[in-house]
C-alpha atoms as a PDB file:
ATOM      1  CA  MET A   1      65.620 -37.065 -44.064  1.00  0.00           C
ATOM      2  CA  LEU A   2      67.980 -34.416 -45.497  1.00  0.00           C
ATOM      3  CA  VAL A   3      70.186 -37.113 -46.997  1.00  0.00           C
ATOM      4  CA  LEU A   4      67.144 -38.618 -48.687  1.00  0.00           C
ATOM      5  CA  MET A   5      66.079 -35.306 -50.234  1.00  0.00           C
ATOM      6  CA  PHE A   6      69.457 -34.512 -51.779  1.00  0.00           C
ATOM      7  CA  GLU A   7      70.425 -37.946 -53.013  1.00  0.00           C
ATOM      8  CA  PRO A   8      71.205 -37.873 -56.779  1.00  0.00           C
ATOM      9  CA  SER A   9      68.912 -40.799 -57.599  1.00  0.00           C
ATOM     10  CA  LEU A  10      65.887 -38.896 -56.302  1.00  0.00           C
ATOM     11  CA  ASP A  11      65.960 -35.947 -58.709  1.00  0.00           C
ATOM     12  CA  HIS A  12      62.180 -35.710 -58.927  1.00  0.00           C
ATOM     13  CA  CYS A  13      61.965 -35.373 -55.135  1.00  0.00           C
ATOM     14  CA  ARG A  14      64.650 -32.735 -55.003  1.00  0.00           C
ATOM     15  CA  TYR A  15      62.842 -30.508 -57.508  1.00  0.00           C
ATOM     16  CA  SER A  16      59.230 -30.965 -56.404  1.00  0.00           C
ATOM     17  CA  PHE A  17      59.698 -30.917 -52.641  1.00  0.00           C
ATOM     18  CA  PRO A  18      61.152 -27.369 -52.285  1.00  0.00           C
ATOM     19  CA  VAL A  19      58.255 -25.911 -54.303  1.00  0.00           C
ATOM     20  CA  HIS A  20      55.703 -27.634 -52.071  1.00  0.00           C
ATOM     21  CA  PHE A  21      57.656 -26.588 -48.977  1.00  0.00           C
ATOM     22  CA  ALA A  22      57.887 -22.940 -50.140  1.00  0.00           C
ATOM     23  CA  LYS A  23      54.121 -22.753 -50.596  1.00  0.00           C
ATOM     24  CA  ILE A  24      53.566 -24.032 -47.076  1.00  0.00           C
ATOM     25  CA  ASN A  25      56.213 -21.685 -45.659  1.00  0.00           C
ATOM     26  CA  SER A  26      54.466 -18.679 -47.208  1.00  0.00           C
ATOM     27  CA  CYS A  27      51.175 -19.896 -45.744  1.00  0.00           C
ATOM     28  CA  ILE A  28      52.765 -20.220 -42.289  1.00  0.00           C
ATOM     29  CA  PHE A  29      54.214 -16.725 -42.633  1.00  0.00           C
ATOM     30  CA  LEU A  30      50.827 -15.224 -43.541  1.00  0.00           C
ATOM     31  CA  VAL A  31      49.125 -17.006 -40.643  1.00  0.00           C
ATOM     32  CA  LEU A  32      51.836 -15.828 -38.247  1.00  0.00           C
ATOM     33  CA  VAL A  33      51.580 -12.200 -39.376  1.00  0.00           C
ATOM     34  CA  SER A  34      47.783 -12.169 -39.281  1.00  0.00           C
ATOM     35  CA  PHE A  35      47.650 -13.658 -35.786  1.00  0.00           C
ATOM     36  CA  TRP A  36      50.393 -11.291 -34.663  1.00  0.00           C
ATOM     37  CA  LEU A  37      48.335  -8.317 -35.856  1.00  0.00           C
ATOM     38  CA  PHE A  38      45.091  -9.504 -34.264  1.00  0.00           C
ATOM     39  CA  TYR A  39      46.112 -11.466 -31.163  1.00  0.00           C
ATOM     40  CA  GLY A  40      49.608 -10.311 -30.234  1.00  0.00           C
ATOM     41  CA  PHE A  41      53.053 -11.805 -30.457  1.00  0.00           C
ATOM     42  CA  GLU A  42      52.754 -14.540 -27.818  1.00  0.00           C
ATOM     43  CA  ALA A  43      49.678 -16.162 -29.357  1.00  0.00           C
ATOM     44  CA  ALA A  44      51.194 -15.908 -32.823  1.00  0.00           C
ATOM     45  CA  TRP A  45      54.401 -17.559 -31.628  1.00  0.00           C
ATOM     46  CA  ARG A  46      52.491 -20.479 -30.079  1.00  0.00           C
ATOM     47  CA  ILE A  47      50.509 -20.980 -33.273  1.00  0.00           C
ATOM     48  CA  PHE A  48      53.718 -20.805 -35.311  1.00  0.00           C
ATOM     49  CA  ILE A  49      55.329 -23.517 -33.151  1.00  0.00           C
ATOM     50  CA  PHE A  50      52.232 -25.693 -33.593  1.00  0.00           C
ATOM     51  CA  MET A  51      52.305 -25.188 -37.379  1.00  0.00           C
ATOM     52  CA  VAL A  52      56.029 -26.034 -37.551  1.00  0.00           C
ATOM     53  CA  ARG A  53      55.473 -29.270 -35.636  1.00  0.00           C
ATOM     54  CA  PHE A  54      52.582 -30.136 -37.935  1.00  0.00           C
ATOM     55  CA  MET A  55      54.746 -29.347 -40.977  1.00  0.00           C
ATOM     56  CA  GLN A  56      57.517 -31.643 -39.753  1.00  0.00           C
ATOM     57  CA  PHE A  57      54.996 -34.464 -39.448  1.00  0.00           C
ATOM     58  CA  GLU A  58      53.498 -33.682 -42.867  1.00  0.00           C
ATOM     59  CA  SER A  59      56.949 -33.541 -44.482  1.00  0.00           C
ATOM     60  CA  LEU A  60      57.875 -36.871 -42.956  1.00  0.00           C
ATOM     61  CA  VAL A  61      54.688 -38.435 -44.307  1.00  0.00           C
ATOM     62  CA  TYR A  62      55.334 -36.807 -47.711  1.00  0.00           C
ATOM     63  CA  VAL A  63      58.857 -38.239 -47.923  1.00  0.00           C
ATOM     64  CA  VAL A  64      57.815 -41.692 -46.692  1.00  0.00           C
ATOM     65  CA  PHE A  65      54.994 -42.041 -49.240  1.00  0.00           C
ATOM     66  CA  LEU A  66      57.095 -41.013 -52.260  1.00  0.00           C
END
C-alpha cells in the first residue's frame, strides 16, 4: 500500500490522501484525549486501538476504490 501511495504516476493520490488522513488523525486524537479525560487511560487506549484498526480498513478501501 505504501508503494502505491508514493508511485509517481499517482500524483493526485499522493496529494489528496495525506490531507484526508491528517483530518482523521486529528479526529482520533481528539477522541482519545476526550475519552482519556472522562474514562481513564485504559478505556481510551482500547478505543484508540479500535479506531486505528477501523482506519486501516477505511484506508485500504479508499486506496482500492481510487
